[in-house]
């Protein structure tokens, strides 16, 4: 079993939530672990040290080392819509928290297998999906980012609609590309979450995400401040 990393967030630059990072002056969570505002949601605690990339830097140290006892936020869980115990997979996505939001990495396991290197405080089969703001974020009505729809405060949480394909996607429209080009490497994400209408008056909008470095890697990536999480029913 090998962990997979979110292409949406990492855009194929490094494909990792990298680093044996222990926190720094920018108030990054210690090794990306869950923080107090999110402890009532589903988490995963590793039962052994785990190197999801099986890759080492020039000094022979893992780029990523998830240590036994480390606890991470569960950001998504889903099952393949089939029943074959060999080919059908269960999928768990965890969030390595940064000051911008969760850098996500996922695990796939065969149906009925107990191969995951962590345990959870939730019964994930019965979990409820939400969308959460991990920092203050402004949502715009259009891809040119010239009309504000609303502001979400850090800690805002909205329950997802299980019947809809909600989430974030990189916007590749001409307007988005023009806006991104003017913002020094930012990515523009289209957001669609039905419950946003409760606070923002609309179910969709656009956010801008600035590039950042993760840990000791020279490459930049984008970590969205609005992302899914899983909570107990």
Protein backbone atom coordinates (compact mmCIF):
# COMPACT_ATOMS: atom_id res chain seq x y z
CA UNK A 1 0.00 0.00 0.00
CA UNK A 2 1.30 3.45 -0.88
CA UNK A 3 -0.16 6.81 0.01
CA UNK A 4 -1.29 9.04 -2.83
CA UNK A 5 -1.15 12.81 -2.77
CA UNK A 6 -3.73 15.31 -3.95
CA UNK A 7 -3.14 16.40 -7.54
CA UNK A 8 -5.61 19.25 -7.05
CA UNK A 9 -3.55 20.87 -4.33
CA UNK A 10 -0.08 19.92 -5.49
CA UNK A 11 -0.59 20.36 -9.23
CA UNK A 12 2.06 17.74 -9.96
CA UNK A 13 4.95 19.89 -8.71
CA UNK A 14 6.09 17.71 -5.84
CA UNK A 15 3.11 15.55 -4.97
CA UNK A 16 3.92 15.47 -1.30
CA UNK A 17 3.00 16.87 2.07
CA UNK A 18 6.70 16.81 2.63
CA UNK A 19 9.02 17.11 5.57
CA UNK A 20 9.68 15.76 9.02
CA UNK A 21 8.72 19.26 10.10
CA UNK A 22 8.34 20.02 13.81
CA UNK A 23 6.73 23.46 13.67
CA UNK A 24 8.34 26.88 13.23
CA UNK A 25 8.02 30.62 13.78
CA UNK A 26 5.14 30.76 11.26
CA UNK A 27 3.01 28.72 13.69
CA UNK A 28 2.72 25.68 11.46
CA UNK A 29 1.10 22.80 13.36
CA UNK A 30 3.67 20.32 14.67
CA UNK A 31 4.32 17.89 11.78
CA UNK A 32 0.97 18.88 10.32
CA UNK A 33 -1.03 17.27 13.11
CA UNK A 34 -4.61 18.07 14.06
CA UNK A 35 -5.11 21.16 16.22
CA UNK A 36 -7.69 21.88 18.93
CA UNK A 37 -10.38 23.51 16.73
CA UNK A 38 -10.72 20.26 14.75
CA UNK A 39 -10.46 17.57 17.43
CA UNK A 40 -14.22 16.96 17.53
CA UNK A 41 -14.06 15.76 13.92
CA UNK A 42 -12.66 12.48 12.63
CA UNK A 43 -8.92 11.96 13.06
CA UNK A 44 -6.42 9.23 12.27
CA UNK A 45 -3.67 8.22 14.71
CA UNK A 46 -0.71 6.36 13.23
CA UNK A 47 0.16 3.04 14.83
CA UNK A 48 3.69 2.96 13.38
CA UNK A 49 6.17 5.26 11.70
CA UNK A 50 5.25 5.59 8.05
CA UNK A 51 7.07 7.06 5.04
CA UNK A 52 4.33 7.56 2.44
CA UNK A 53 6.71 8.52 -0.37
CA UNK A 54 9.44 5.94 0.26
CA UNK A 55 11.84 8.67 -0.89
CA UNK A 56 14.79 10.30 0.84
CA UNK A 57 16.61 13.60 0.51
CA UNK A 58 20.31 13.99 -0.21
CA UNK A 59 21.09 13.40 3.47
CA UNK A 60 19.22 10.10 3.51
CA UNK A 61 16.25 11.41 5.51
CA UNK A 62 12.63 10.80 4.43
CA UNK A 63 10.91 13.78 2.88
CA UNK A 64 7.83 12.76 4.85
CA UNK A 65 7.83 10.80 8.09
CA UNK A 66 4.51 10.25 9.83
CA UNK A 67 5.38 9.01 13.29
CA UNK A 68 3.62 6.49 15.49
CA UNK A 69 1.19 8.44 17.68
CA UNK A 70 0.88 11.36 15.25
CA UNK A 71 -2.75 12.39 14.73
CA UNK A 72 -4.09 13.83 11.46
CA UNK A 73 -7.45 15.20 10.40
CA UNK A 74 -9.56 12.96 8.15
CA UNK A 75 -10.54 15.12 5.18
CA UNK A 76 -12.43 12.59 3.06
CA UNK A 77 -13.57 8.96 2.94
CA UNK A 78 -15.33 7.09 0.16
CA UNK A 79 -15.82 3.61 -1.26
CA UNK A 80 -15.71 2.34 -4.81
CA UNK A 81 -19.31 1.61 -5.91
CA UNK A 82 -18.80 -2.14 -6.20
CA UNK A 83 -18.56 -5.24 -4.00
CA UNK A 84 -15.58 -7.27 -5.23
CA UNK A 85 -13.29 -7.76 -2.18
CA UNK A 86 -10.14 -7.76 -4.35
CA UNK A 87 -10.69 -4.96 -6.83
CA UNK A 88 -12.99 -2.65 -4.86
CA UNK A 89 -11.17 -0.14 -2.69
CA UNK A 90 -11.91 2.02 0.31
CA UNK A 91 -10.25 5.45 0.20
CA UNK A 92 -9.18 7.64 3.11
CA UNK A 93 -7.76 11.15 2.69
CA UNK A 94 -5.89 12.81 5.55
CA UNK A 95 -4.88 16.44 5.98
CA UNK A 96 -1.38 17.56 6.91
CA UNK A 97 -2.25 20.94 8.40
CA UNK A 98 -0.32 24.02 7.39
CA UNK A 99 -0.95 27.67 8.22
CA UNK A 100 -2.86 27.92 4.90
CA UNK A 101 -4.96 24.77 5.10
CA UNK A 102 -4.60 21.00 4.77
CA UNK A 103 -2.12 19.50 2.33
CA UNK A 104 -3.88 16.22 1.64
CA UNK A 105 -2.60 12.69 1.17
CA UNK A 106 -4.65 9.56 0.69
CA UNK A 107 -4.60 5.84 1.31
CA UNK A 108 -6.35 3.09 -0.64
CA UNK A 109 -7.06 -0.33 0.81
CA UNK A 110 -8.78 -3.44 -0.47
CA UNK A 111 -12.38 -3.88 0.70
CA UNK A 112 -12.38 -5.65 4.05
CA UNK A 113 -8.62 -5.24 4.59
CA UNK A 114 -7.14 -3.80 7.80
CA UNK A 115 -3.96 -2.66 6.05
CA UNK A 116 -4.13 1.01 6.99
CA UNK A 117 -1.27 2.19 9.24
CA UNK A 118 -3.58 4.16 11.53
CA UNK A 119 -6.73 3.92 13.61
CA UNK A 120 -9.56 6.46 13.77
CA UNK A 121 -11.69 7.91 16.54
CA UNK A 122 -14.67 7.59 14.14
CA UNK A 123 -16.51 4.87 12.34
CA UNK A 124 -15.66 6.28 8.92
CA UNK A 125 -18.46 4.33 7.23
CA UNK A 126 -20.90 6.42 9.25
CA UNK A 127 -19.03 9.71 8.94
CA UNK A 128 -20.56 12.96 7.69
CA UNK A 129 -18.72 15.15 5.17
CA UNK A 130 -18.33 18.88 5.76
CA UNK A 131 -16.48 21.79 4.19
CA UNK A 132 -14.37 23.92 6.49
CA UNK A 133 -12.48 27.22 6.27
CA UNK A 134 -9.02 26.79 7.81
CA UNK A 135 -8.21 30.49 7.58
CA UNK A 136 -10.13 33.64 6.72
CA UNK A 137 -11.03 33.47 3.04
CA UNK A 138 -12.79 35.80 0.61
CA UNK A 139 -15.09 34.28 -2.02
CA UNK A 140 -15.71 36.20 -5.24
CA UNK A 141 -18.65 36.02 -7.61
CA UNK A 142 -16.58 35.83 -10.80
CA UNK A 143 -13.24 34.62 -12.11
CA UNK A 144 -11.92 38.16 -12.47
CA UNK A 145 -12.13 38.52 -8.67
CA UNK A 146 -13.56 42.02 -8.89
CA UNK A 147 -16.82 41.45 -6.98
CA UNK A 148 -16.80 40.00 -3.48
CA UNK A 149 -19.48 37.45 -2.66
CA UNK A 150 -18.69 37.01 1.04
CA UNK A 151 -16.00 36.50 3.65
CA UNK A 152 -15.68 33.23 5.56
CA UNK A 153 -14.01 33.29 8.96
CA UNK A 154 -11.52 30.63 9.96
CA UNK A 155 -13.41 27.79 11.64
CA UNK A 156 -16.57 28.14 9.53
CA UNK A 157 -18.02 24.68 8.76
CA UNK A 158 -20.80 23.68 6.33
CA UNK A 159 -22.33 20.23 5.96
CA UNK A 160 -21.86 18.79 2.47
CA UNK A 161 -24.70 17.60 0.27
CA UNK A 162 -24.10 13.90 -0.27
CA UNK A 163 -26.01 13.87 -3.56
CA UNK A 164 -23.94 16.55 -5.30
CA UNK A 165 -20.43 16.74 -6.65
CA UNK A 166 -19.33 19.51 -4.33
CA UNK A 167 -15.78 20.69 -3.91
CA UNK A 168 -13.02 22.77 -5.46
CA UNK A 169 -11.45 22.64 -8.89
CA UNK A 170 -8.71 24.65 -10.53
CA UNK A 171 -10.31 27.19 -12.83
CA UNK A 172 -8.83 27.22 -16.34
CA UNK A 173 -11.17 29.78 -17.88
CA UNK A 174 -9.57 32.77 -19.61
CA UNK A 175 -10.68 35.06 -16.78
CA UNK A 176 -9.11 32.82 -14.16
CA UNK A 177 -5.84 32.53 -16.06
CA UNK A 178 -5.68 36.32 -16.47
CA UNK A 179 -6.34 36.86 -12.76
CA UNK A 180 -3.75 34.27 -11.79
CA UNK A 181 -1.14 35.82 -14.07
CA UNK A 182 -1.60 39.18 -12.32
CA UNK A 183 -1.15 37.63 -8.88
CA UNK A 184 2.39 36.28 -9.17
CA UNK A 185 1.71 32.60 -9.57
CA UNK A 186 -1.60 32.31 -7.72
CA UNK A 187 -4.14 29.67 -8.67
CA UNK A 188 -7.84 30.49 -8.96
CA UNK A 189 -10.17 27.78 -7.65
CA UNK A 190 -13.85 27.46 -8.41
CA UNK A 191 -15.79 26.52 -5.26
CA UNK A 192 -19.14 24.75 -5.29
CA UNK A 193 -20.74 23.98 -1.94
CA UNK A 194 -24.53 24.09 -1.73
CA UNK A 195 -24.56 25.11 1.94
CA UNK A 196 -22.56 28.26 1.14
CA UNK A 197 -25.89 29.82 0.19
CA UNK A 198 -26.76 30.00 3.90
CA UNK A 199 -24.05 32.58 4.53
CA UNK A 200 -23.06 33.88 1.11
CA UNK A 201 -26.33 33.88 -0.80
CA UNK A 202 -24.90 31.68 -3.57
CA UNK A 203 -23.71 28.10 -3.84
CA UNK A 204 -20.58 28.78 -5.89
CA UNK A 205 -17.81 31.30 -6.28
CA UNK A 206 -14.07 31.73 -6.76
CA UNK A 207 -11.11 31.94 -4.39
CA UNK A 208 -7.48 32.78 -4.98
CA UNK A 209 -4.68 30.67 -3.51
CA UNK A 210 -1.14 32.02 -3.41
CA UNK A 211 1.83 29.70 -3.94
CA UNK A 212 3.94 28.60 -1.02
CA UNK A 213 6.89 26.41 -0.20
CA UNK A 214 6.39 23.33 1.91
CA UNK A 215 9.21 22.57 4.28
CA UNK A 216 12.64 22.10 2.67
CA UNK A 217 11.51 21.67 -0.92
CA UNK A 218 12.52 24.32 -3.47
CA UNK A 219 9.32 23.91 -5.49
CA UNK A 220 6.13 25.84 -4.87
CA UNK A 221 2.67 24.44 -4.40
CA UNK A 222 -0.87 25.65 -3.61
CA UNK A 223 -2.80 24.74 -0.45
CA UNK A 224 -6.48 25.73 -0.47
CA UNK A 225 -7.88 27.28 2.74
CA UNK A 226 -11.33 25.74 2.15
CA UNK A 227 -11.45 21.94 2.16
CA UNK A 228 -13.55 18.96 3.11
CA UNK A 229 -13.40 17.23 6.49
CA UNK A 230 -15.25 14.25 8.00
CA UNK A 231 -17.12 14.30 11.30
CA UNK A 232 -19.11 11.81 13.36
CA UNK A 233 -22.80 11.60 12.59
